[in-house]
C-alpha cells in the first residue's frame, strides 16, 4: 500500500517537475500533478488485470488524454500541455535505457526484449491518446448536432 502511495506521489511530482522544466503556466501545475497521478493510477490498476505492457499503457494513455480534454475545457486552454504532463509517468524510460545498454553491450537478445517492451509502451500511450481524442471529437460533434450549432461555419 505504501509503495503505491509513493508511486502515485512520484507520478504527480514528476508531472509537476516536467511542467516547471518546460515553463508550463503556473496555474496549470496542480492540474498537471493530478493528471500524472491519475494516469499512473490507471496504469497501476490496469497492469495486473491485463497482464501486458501495451494494454496497461493504453489504459493510462486514455485516462491521461480524457483528463487533458476535461482540463482544457475547464481552463479554456489547449489540451496538449495537460496531456503531455499527465503522460510523463507512463514514458518507458527504463526499458529504453536497458535496451540501449544491451545494444552497446552486444546482448542482442536482451536488446530485442527491452526494445519490444519500449515500443509496446509507447504504442500503448499513443493508441490511448488517439482513442480518447477521437471520443472527445465525437462528443463535440454530437453536442454541436444536438444544439444546432455548426462549428464549421
N, C-alpha and C. Protein backbone atom coordinates (compact mmCIF):
# COMPACT_ATOMS: atom_id res chain seq x y z
N UNK A 1 0.83 -1.19 0.00
CA UNK A 1 0.00 0.00 0.00
C UNK A 1 0.87 1.26 0.00
N UNK A 2 1.87 1.27 0.89
CA UNK A 2 2.76 2.43 0.97
C UNK A 2 3.53 2.62 -0.33
N UNK A 3 3.92 1.52 -0.96
CA UNK A 3 4.65 1.60 -2.22
C UNK A 3 3.77 2.25 -3.29
N UNK A 4 2.49 1.92 -3.31
CA UNK A 4 1.57 2.51 -4.28
C UNK A 4 1.41 4.00 -4.05
N UNK A 5 1.30 4.41 -2.81
CA UNK A 5 1.18 5.83 -2.49
C UNK A 5 2.43 6.58 -2.93
N UNK A 6 3.59 5.99 -2.69
CA UNK A 6 4.84 6.62 -3.11
C UNK A 6 4.90 6.72 -4.64
N UNK A 7 4.46 5.67 -5.33
CA UNK A 7 4.45 5.72 -6.80
C UNK A 7 3.50 6.82 -7.30
N UNK A 8 2.33 6.93 -6.71
CA UNK A 8 1.37 7.94 -7.14
C UNK A 8 1.89 9.36 -6.88
N UNK A 9 2.49 9.56 -5.71
CA UNK A 9 3.07 10.87 -5.42
C UNK A 9 4.24 11.19 -6.34
N UNK A 10 5.03 10.17 -6.67
CA UNK A 10 6.14 10.36 -7.61
C UNK A 10 5.62 10.73 -9.00
N UNK A 11 4.53 10.09 -9.41
CA UNK A 11 3.92 10.44 -10.70
C UNK A 11 3.44 11.88 -10.72
N UNK A 12 2.81 12.30 -9.63
CA UNK A 12 2.34 13.68 -9.54
C UNK A 12 3.50 14.66 -9.54
N UNK A 13 4.51 14.40 -8.71
CA UNK A 13 5.66 15.30 -8.63
C UNK A 13 6.46 15.32 -9.92
N UNK A 14 6.57 14.17 -10.57
CA UNK A 14 7.26 14.13 -11.86
C UNK A 14 6.56 14.97 -12.91
N UNK A 15 5.24 14.92 -12.92
CA UNK A 15 4.48 15.73 -13.87
C UNK A 15 4.61 17.21 -13.58
N UNK A 16 4.58 17.57 -12.30
CA UNK A 16 4.77 18.97 -11.93
C UNK A 16 6.18 19.44 -12.29
N UNK A 17 7.17 18.59 -12.00
CA UNK A 17 8.55 18.93 -12.35
C UNK A 17 8.74 19.12 -13.84
N UNK A 18 8.11 18.25 -14.63
CA UNK A 18 8.19 18.38 -16.08
C UNK A 18 7.53 19.69 -16.52
N UNK A 19 6.39 20.02 -15.91
CA UNK A 19 5.73 21.28 -16.22
C UNK A 19 6.60 22.48 -15.88
N UNK A 20 7.29 22.42 -14.75
CA UNK A 20 8.19 23.52 -14.37
C UNK A 20 9.36 23.63 -15.34
N UNK A 21 9.92 22.48 -15.68
CA UNK A 21 11.07 22.46 -16.58
C UNK A 21 10.76 23.08 -17.94
N UNK A 22 9.53 22.86 -18.41
CA UNK A 22 9.15 23.38 -19.72
C UNK A 22 8.23 24.59 -19.64
N UNK A 23 8.30 25.30 -18.50
CA UNK A 23 7.63 26.58 -18.33
C UNK A 23 6.12 26.52 -18.56
N UNK A 24 5.49 25.49 -18.03
CA UNK A 24 4.03 25.41 -18.08
C UNK A 24 3.48 26.54 -17.22
N UNK A 25 2.39 27.13 -17.66
CA UNK A 25 1.74 28.19 -16.90
C UNK A 25 1.54 27.70 -15.46
N UNK A 26 1.96 28.50 -14.50
CA UNK A 26 1.96 28.07 -13.10
C UNK A 26 0.57 27.72 -12.58
N UNK A 27 -0.45 28.33 -13.14
CA UNK A 27 -1.80 28.00 -12.65
C UNK A 27 -2.24 26.60 -13.10
N UNK A 28 -1.53 26.01 -14.09
CA UNK A 28 -1.86 24.66 -14.55
C UNK A 28 -1.07 23.58 -13.80
N UNK A 29 -0.10 23.97 -12.99
CA UNK A 29 0.77 22.98 -12.32
C UNK A 29 0.00 22.01 -11.41
N UNK A 30 -0.95 22.47 -10.59
CA UNK A 30 -1.71 21.50 -9.80
C UNK A 30 -2.46 20.49 -10.68
N UNK A 31 -3.03 20.97 -11.77
CA UNK A 31 -3.73 20.08 -12.70
C UNK A 31 -2.76 19.09 -13.34
N UNK A 32 -1.54 19.54 -13.61
CA UNK A 32 -0.53 18.64 -14.17
C UNK A 32 -0.21 17.52 -13.18
N UNK A 33 -0.09 17.87 -11.91
CA UNK A 33 0.18 16.87 -10.88
C UNK A 33 -0.95 15.86 -10.75
N UNK A 34 -2.17 16.34 -10.75
CA UNK A 34 -3.31 15.43 -10.66
C UNK A 34 -3.37 14.54 -11.90
N UNK A 35 -3.05 15.09 -13.06
CA UNK A 35 -3.05 14.30 -14.29
C UNK A 35 -2.04 13.17 -14.25
N UNK A 36 -0.83 13.47 -13.78
CA UNK A 36 0.19 12.43 -13.64
C UNK A 36 -0.22 11.36 -12.66
N UNK A 37 -0.81 11.79 -11.55
CA UNK A 37 -1.28 10.83 -10.55
C UNK A 37 -2.37 9.93 -11.13
N UNK A 38 -3.34 10.52 -11.84
CA UNK A 38 -4.44 9.73 -12.40
C UNK A 38 -3.97 8.77 -13.50
N UNK A 39 -3.07 9.23 -14.35
CA UNK A 39 -2.56 8.37 -15.42
C UNK A 39 -1.81 7.17 -14.82
N UNK A 40 -0.99 7.43 -13.81
CA UNK A 40 -0.24 6.33 -13.20
C UNK A 40 -1.17 5.41 -12.41
N UNK A 41 -2.21 5.97 -11.78
CA UNK A 41 -3.19 5.15 -11.07
C UNK A 41 -3.91 4.23 -12.05
N UNK A 42 -4.30 4.77 -13.21
CA UNK A 42 -4.95 3.94 -14.22
C UNK A 42 -4.02 2.82 -14.68
N UNK A 43 -2.75 3.14 -14.87
CA UNK A 43 -1.77 2.12 -15.27
C UNK A 43 -1.65 1.04 -14.20
N UNK A 44 -1.52 1.47 -12.93
CA UNK A 44 -1.36 0.51 -11.84
C UNK A 44 -2.58 -0.39 -11.68
N UNK A 45 -3.77 0.16 -11.89
CA UNK A 45 -4.98 -0.64 -11.78
C UNK A 45 -5.14 -1.59 -12.96
N UNK A 46 -4.69 -1.16 -14.14
CA UNK A 46 -4.85 -1.98 -15.35
C UNK A 46 -3.79 -3.07 -15.47
N UNK A 47 -2.58 -2.80 -15.00
CA UNK A 47 -1.45 -3.73 -15.20
C UNK A 47 -1.73 -5.15 -14.71
N UNK A 48 -2.24 -5.35 -13.50
CA UNK A 48 -2.49 -6.74 -13.08
C UNK A 48 -3.67 -7.38 -13.83
N UNK A 49 -4.60 -6.57 -14.26
CA UNK A 49 -5.80 -7.11 -14.92
C UNK A 49 -5.53 -7.53 -16.36
N UNK A 50 -4.66 -6.80 -17.06
CA UNK A 50 -4.46 -7.07 -18.49
C UNK A 50 -3.20 -7.85 -18.78
N UNK A 51 -2.29 -7.95 -17.83
CA UNK A 51 -1.05 -8.73 -17.97
C UNK A 51 -0.27 -8.37 -19.22
N UNK A 52 -0.14 -7.08 -19.51
CA UNK A 52 0.65 -6.71 -20.67
C UNK A 52 1.00 -5.24 -20.67
N UNK A 53 2.16 -4.94 -21.20
CA UNK A 53 2.65 -3.57 -21.26
C UNK A 53 1.77 -2.70 -22.14
N UNK A 54 1.40 -3.23 -23.30
CA UNK A 54 0.63 -2.43 -24.25
C UNK A 54 -0.71 -1.99 -23.67
N UNK A 55 -1.51 -2.93 -23.20
CA UNK A 55 -2.85 -2.60 -22.72
C UNK A 55 -2.82 -1.73 -21.47
N UNK A 56 -1.88 -1.96 -20.58
CA UNK A 56 -1.79 -1.12 -19.39
C UNK A 56 -1.46 0.32 -19.76
N UNK A 57 -0.54 0.50 -20.70
CA UNK A 57 -0.22 1.86 -21.16
C UNK A 57 -1.35 2.46 -21.98
N UNK A 58 -2.09 1.63 -22.70
CA UNK A 58 -3.25 2.11 -23.44
C UNK A 58 -4.27 2.70 -22.48
N UNK A 59 -4.55 1.99 -21.39
CA UNK A 59 -5.50 2.48 -20.39
C UNK A 59 -4.98 3.77 -19.76
N UNK A 60 -3.71 3.80 -19.42
CA UNK A 60 -3.11 5.02 -18.86
C UNK A 60 -3.16 6.18 -19.85
N UNK A 61 -2.90 5.89 -21.12
CA UNK A 61 -2.96 6.93 -22.15
C UNK A 61 -4.36 7.47 -22.36
N UNK A 62 -5.36 6.59 -22.34
CA UNK A 62 -6.75 7.03 -22.46
C UNK A 62 -7.11 7.92 -21.29
N UNK A 63 -6.74 7.50 -20.09
CA UNK A 63 -7.02 8.28 -18.89
C UNK A 63 -6.35 9.65 -18.97
N UNK A 64 -5.09 9.69 -19.35
CA UNK A 64 -4.36 10.96 -19.44
C UNK A 64 -5.00 11.89 -20.47
N UNK A 65 -5.38 11.35 -21.62
CA UNK A 65 -5.94 12.18 -22.68
C UNK A 65 -7.36 12.66 -22.34
N UNK A 66 -8.17 11.81 -21.72
CA UNK A 66 -9.51 12.25 -21.31
C UNK A 66 -9.41 13.32 -20.23
N UNK A 67 -8.49 13.14 -19.30
CA UNK A 67 -8.26 14.15 -18.28
C UNK A 67 -7.81 15.46 -18.93
N UNK A 68 -6.92 15.36 -19.91
CA UNK A 68 -6.42 16.56 -20.60
C UNK A 68 -7.57 17.29 -21.30
N UNK A 69 -8.45 16.53 -21.92
CA UNK A 69 -9.61 17.16 -22.59
C UNK A 69 -10.50 17.85 -21.58
N UNK A 70 -10.74 17.21 -20.45
CA UNK A 70 -11.56 17.82 -19.40
C UNK A 70 -10.92 19.11 -18.88
N UNK A 71 -9.62 19.07 -18.62
CA UNK A 71 -8.92 20.24 -18.11
C UNK A 71 -8.87 21.37 -19.14
N UNK A 72 -8.77 20.99 -20.39
CA UNK A 72 -8.76 22.01 -21.45
C UNK A 72 -10.08 22.77 -21.48
N UNK A 73 -11.18 22.06 -21.27
CA UNK A 73 -12.49 22.72 -21.22
C UNK A 73 -12.59 23.56 -19.94
N UNK A 74 -12.09 23.03 -18.85
CA UNK A 74 -12.18 23.71 -17.55
C UNK A 74 -11.42 25.04 -17.59
N UNK A 75 -10.20 25.01 -18.13
CA UNK A 75 -9.35 26.20 -18.17
C UNK A 75 -9.49 27.00 -19.46
N UNK A 76 -10.30 26.50 -20.40
CA UNK A 76 -10.43 27.14 -21.71
C UNK A 76 -9.05 27.32 -22.34
N UNK A 77 -8.33 26.21 -22.42
CA UNK A 77 -6.95 26.19 -22.90
C UNK A 77 -6.77 24.98 -23.81
N UNK A 78 -5.65 24.89 -24.51
CA UNK A 78 -5.39 23.69 -25.32
C UNK A 78 -5.18 22.47 -24.41
N UNK A 79 -5.49 21.30 -24.94
CA UNK A 79 -5.35 20.07 -24.14
C UNK A 79 -3.92 19.53 -24.15
N UNK A 80 -3.11 19.92 -25.09
CA UNK A 80 -1.77 19.36 -25.24
C UNK A 80 -0.89 19.49 -23.99
N UNK A 81 -0.80 20.67 -23.36
CA UNK A 81 0.05 20.75 -22.15
C UNK A 81 -0.43 19.83 -21.03
N UNK A 82 -1.73 19.66 -20.91
CA UNK A 82 -2.27 18.79 -19.88
C UNK A 82 -1.98 17.33 -20.19
N UNK A 83 -2.06 16.97 -21.47
CA UNK A 83 -1.79 15.58 -21.82
C UNK A 83 -0.30 15.26 -21.65
N UNK A 84 0.54 16.13 -22.12
CA UNK A 84 1.99 15.86 -22.06
C UNK A 84 2.44 15.68 -20.62
N UNK A 85 2.00 16.57 -19.73
CA UNK A 85 2.43 16.44 -18.34
C UNK A 85 1.79 15.22 -17.67
N UNK A 86 0.56 14.88 -18.03
CA UNK A 86 -0.10 13.71 -17.44
C UNK A 86 0.54 12.41 -17.92
N UNK A 87 1.07 12.40 -19.13
CA UNK A 87 1.65 11.17 -19.69
C UNK A 87 3.09 10.93 -19.25
N UNK A 88 3.70 11.90 -18.59
CA UNK A 88 5.11 11.75 -18.18
C UNK A 88 5.37 10.47 -17.37
N UNK A 89 4.54 10.13 -16.38
CA UNK A 89 4.83 8.90 -15.63
C UNK A 89 4.76 7.62 -16.46
N UNK A 90 4.08 7.67 -17.59
CA UNK A 90 3.93 6.49 -18.43
C UNK A 90 5.11 6.26 -19.36
N UNK A 91 5.94 7.25 -19.55
CA UNK A 91 7.04 7.16 -20.52
C UNK A 91 7.99 6.03 -20.13
N UNK A 92 8.29 5.14 -21.08
CA UNK A 92 9.10 3.94 -20.77
C UNK A 92 10.61 4.22 -20.77
N UNK A 93 11.05 5.08 -19.89
CA UNK A 93 12.46 5.46 -19.86
C UNK A 93 13.39 4.34 -19.46
N UNK A 94 13.00 3.55 -18.48
CA UNK A 94 13.91 2.50 -18.00
C UNK A 94 14.10 1.42 -19.06
N UNK A 95 13.02 1.01 -19.74
CA UNK A 95 13.20 -0.03 -20.75
C UNK A 95 14.00 0.47 -21.94
N UNK A 96 13.87 1.75 -22.27
CA UNK A 96 14.68 2.32 -23.35
C UNK A 96 16.16 2.33 -22.94
N UNK A 97 16.43 2.70 -21.69
CA UNK A 97 17.80 2.68 -21.20
C UNK A 97 18.38 1.27 -21.26
N UNK A 98 17.64 0.30 -20.75
CA UNK A 98 18.13 -1.08 -20.75
C UNK A 98 18.32 -1.61 -22.17
N UNK A 99 17.46 -1.19 -23.08
CA UNK A 99 17.60 -1.59 -24.49
C UNK A 99 18.90 -1.04 -25.07
N UNK A 100 19.15 0.25 -24.85
CA UNK A 100 20.37 0.86 -25.39
C UNK A 100 21.61 0.28 -24.74
N UNK A 101 21.53 -0.01 -23.45
CA UNK A 101 22.65 -0.62 -22.74
C UNK A 101 22.94 -2.01 -23.32
N UNK A 102 21.89 -2.77 -23.61
CA UNK A 102 22.08 -4.11 -24.18
C UNK A 102 22.66 -4.02 -25.60
N UNK A 103 22.25 -3.01 -26.36
CA UNK A 103 22.80 -2.84 -27.71
C UNK A 103 24.29 -2.54 -27.63
N UNK A 104 24.67 -1.63 -26.74
CA UNK A 104 26.08 -1.27 -26.58
C UNK A 104 26.89 -2.46 -26.08
N UNK A 105 26.28 -3.29 -25.24
CA UNK A 105 26.96 -4.48 -24.70
C UNK A 105 26.90 -5.68 -25.64
N UNK A 106 26.32 -5.50 -26.82
CA UNK A 106 26.16 -6.56 -27.82
C UNK A 106 25.32 -7.74 -27.33
N UNK A 107 24.41 -7.48 -26.41
CA UNK A 107 23.49 -8.50 -25.93
C UNK A 107 22.19 -8.34 -26.71
N UNK A 108 22.14 -8.92 -27.90
CA UNK A 108 21.02 -8.67 -28.80
C UNK A 108 19.71 -9.28 -28.31
N UNK A 109 19.77 -10.38 -27.56
CA UNK A 109 18.55 -10.97 -27.02
C UNK A 109 17.89 -10.02 -26.02
N UNK A 110 18.68 -9.46 -25.12
CA UNK A 110 18.13 -8.51 -24.15
C UNK A 110 17.69 -7.23 -24.85
N UNK A 111 18.44 -6.79 -25.85
CA UNK A 111 18.07 -5.59 -26.60
C UNK A 111 16.73 -5.78 -27.29
N UNK A 112 16.51 -6.96 -27.84
CA UNK A 112 15.23 -7.24 -28.50
C UNK A 112 14.08 -7.21 -27.49
N UNK A 113 14.31 -7.83 -26.34
CA UNK A 113 13.26 -7.86 -25.31
C UNK A 113 12.91 -6.45 -24.83
N UNK A 114 13.93 -5.69 -24.44
CA UNK A 114 13.67 -4.33 -23.93
C UNK A 114 13.16 -3.40 -25.02
N UNK A 115 13.63 -3.58 -26.23
CA UNK A 115 13.14 -2.78 -27.35
C UNK A 115 11.66 -3.04 -27.60
N UNK A 116 11.27 -4.30 -27.52
CA UNK A 116 9.86 -4.65 -27.70
C UNK A 116 9.00 -4.02 -26.60
N UNK A 117 9.48 -4.10 -25.34
CA UNK A 117 8.73 -3.51 -24.23
C UNK A 117 8.61 -1.99 -24.38
N UNK A 118 9.68 -1.35 -24.82
CA UNK A 118 9.66 0.10 -25.04
C UNK A 118 8.66 0.47 -26.12
N UNK A 119 8.70 -0.26 -27.24
CA UNK A 119 7.79 0.01 -28.34
C UNK A 119 6.34 -0.21 -27.91
N UNK A 120 6.07 -1.30 -27.21
CA UNK A 120 4.69 -1.59 -26.78
C UNK A 120 4.16 -0.51 -25.84
N UNK A 121 5.01 -0.03 -24.94
CA UNK A 121 4.58 1.03 -24.02
C UNK A 121 4.29 2.32 -24.78
N UNK A 122 5.19 2.71 -25.67
CA UNK A 122 4.99 3.95 -26.43
C UNK A 122 3.78 3.84 -27.35
N UNK A 123 3.61 2.70 -27.97
CA UNK A 123 2.47 2.48 -28.85
C UNK A 123 1.16 2.49 -28.05
N UNK A 124 1.19 1.95 -26.84
CA UNK A 124 0.00 1.96 -25.99
C UNK A 124 -0.40 3.37 -25.60
N UNK A 125 0.58 4.20 -25.23
CA UNK A 125 0.29 5.60 -24.87
C UNK A 125 -0.30 6.33 -26.08
N UNK A 126 0.32 6.15 -27.24
CA UNK A 126 -0.17 6.82 -28.46
C UNK A 126 -1.57 6.32 -28.84
N UNK A 127 -1.79 5.04 -28.72
CA UNK A 127 -3.11 4.48 -29.02
C UNK A 127 -4.17 5.00 -28.07
N UNK A 128 -3.84 5.09 -26.79
CA UNK A 128 -4.77 5.63 -25.81
C UNK A 128 -5.11 7.08 -26.09
N UNK A 129 -4.09 7.83 -26.47
CA UNK A 129 -4.29 9.22 -26.82
C UNK A 129 -5.22 9.33 -28.03
N UNK A 130 -5.00 8.52 -29.05
CA UNK A 130 -5.83 8.57 -30.25
C UNK A 130 -7.28 8.20 -29.94
N UNK A 131 -7.47 7.17 -29.14
CA UNK A 131 -8.83 6.76 -28.78
C UNK A 131 -9.55 7.88 -28.03
N UNK A 132 -8.89 8.44 -27.04
CA UNK A 132 -9.53 9.48 -26.23
C UNK A 132 -9.83 10.71 -27.06
N UNK A 133 -8.91 11.11 -27.92
CA UNK A 133 -9.16 12.31 -28.72
C UNK A 133 -10.21 12.07 -29.79
N UNK A 134 -10.34 10.87 -30.28
CA UNK A 134 -11.46 10.55 -31.19
C UNK A 134 -12.79 10.63 -30.45
N UNK A 135 -12.82 10.12 -29.23
CA UNK A 135 -14.04 10.20 -28.42
C UNK A 135 -14.39 11.65 -28.09
N UNK A 136 -13.39 12.46 -27.78
CA UNK A 136 -13.64 13.87 -27.49
C UNK A 136 -14.15 14.60 -28.72
N UNK A 137 -13.59 14.30 -29.88
CA UNK A 137 -14.05 14.92 -31.11
C UNK A 137 -15.49 14.51 -31.42
N UNK A 138 -15.78 13.24 -31.25
CA UNK A 138 -17.14 12.74 -31.46
C UNK A 138 -18.11 13.42 -30.50
N UNK A 139 -17.70 13.59 -29.27
CA UNK A 139 -18.54 14.26 -28.27
C UNK A 139 -18.84 15.70 -28.68
N UNK A 140 -17.81 16.41 -29.15
CA UNK A 140 -18.03 17.80 -29.60
C UNK A 140 -18.97 17.86 -30.79
N UNK A 141 -18.82 16.92 -31.73
CA UNK A 141 -19.69 16.91 -32.91
C UNK A 141 -21.12 16.57 -32.54
N UNK A 142 -21.31 15.62 -31.62
CA UNK A 142 -22.67 15.28 -31.18
C UNK A 142 -23.31 16.44 -30.44
N UNK A 143 -22.53 17.12 -29.61
CA UNK A 143 -23.05 18.27 -28.89
C UNK A 143 -23.45 19.37 -29.86
N UNK A 144 -22.64 19.60 -30.87
CA UNK A 144 -22.97 20.62 -31.87
C UNK A 144 -24.21 20.22 -32.65
N UNK A 145 -24.35 18.95 -32.96
CA UNK A 145 -25.51 18.47 -33.70
C UNK A 145 -26.78 18.61 -32.86
N UNK A 146 -26.70 18.27 -31.59
CA UNK A 146 -27.87 18.33 -30.71
C UNK A 146 -28.28 19.76 -30.38
N UNK A 147 -27.33 20.67 -30.33
CA UNK A 147 -27.65 22.06 -30.03
C UNK A 147 -27.94 22.88 -31.28
N UNK A 148 -27.72 22.30 -32.44
CA UNK A 148 -27.96 23.01 -33.69
C UNK A 148 -26.88 23.99 -34.07
N UNK A 149 -25.76 23.93 -33.38
CA UNK A 149 -24.63 24.82 -33.65
C UNK A 149 -23.65 24.10 -34.56
N UNK A 150 -23.31 24.71 -35.70
CA UNK A 150 -22.38 24.13 -36.64
C UNK A 150 -21.05 24.87 -36.55
N UNK A 151 -20.04 24.27 -35.91
CA UNK A 151 -18.76 24.99 -35.76
C UNK A 151 -17.99 25.15 -37.05
N UNK A 152 -18.39 24.46 -38.11
CA UNK A 152 -17.67 24.55 -39.39
C UNK A 152 -17.99 25.85 -40.11
N UNK A 153 -19.08 26.51 -39.77
CA UNK A 153 -19.47 27.75 -40.47
C UNK A 153 -18.82 28.94 -39.90
